[in-house]
Amino acid sequence: MPSSPGTERLFLALWPDGAVREAVRRAAAEAVRAARGRPVPPDNLHLTLLFLGAVPPAVREALAARLAAVRCAPFELVLDRIGGFPRSRVAWIAPSRPPAALHRLVGQLRAAAEEAGLAPERRPFSPHLTLVRKARPVPAQVLARPVRWGVRRFWLVRSQTLPDGARYTPLRAWPLAAEAGAAPDPTPV
């Protein structure tokens, strides 16, 4: 997509509140130390649902209208394992059993982005929160005390690459809500 004035690099994400960020920090402290890379600042912690790339303002408005129609019941995400992606040199925290609602949400977001005229990346969805970049290999481990995150909304986020690293700015949130008459999500919240 050609660049035009006001075009921004955007993605859709789950954005943890302060209590979840603190719980992640405590649960992952040992792994972060062992990874010895560049820790992700707490305010940048997120779970990417769909990377959108460069989005012009007109397309962003079309996308926002379609995102408002997304229907998914709130769900609980249990972050219970630590590991890494050796190739990209990151350490992460992730759910060992992502709820079906998370996968349904990503499918709806992809459809909304495509309807708005975007071509989101097609890489397989691997839900995780990046903890450390330029990390040493981190052995996979199950957390004795998982982090429980009640997910109630998803966010449109701007990504900026700066000399001192990436800056992510949440721009707008949409609440998770089931369709009228839909059965509630069986995942406990």
Foldseek 3Di string as FASTA:
>chain_A
DDDDPPWFFKFKWFAADPVLLVVCCVQCVVLLVQFPAAFDPSNPWIWTLWGFGTDHPQLVVQLVVQLLPDAFFWAKFWFWKWFDDVVQSWIWTHGPDGAPSSVSRSVSSCVSSVVSPTDIDDPDRDTTITTGGNTDGGDMDTTPDIRMGTGFKMFMWTWDQDPVGIDIGTDDIHTHHHDVPDDHRPHDD
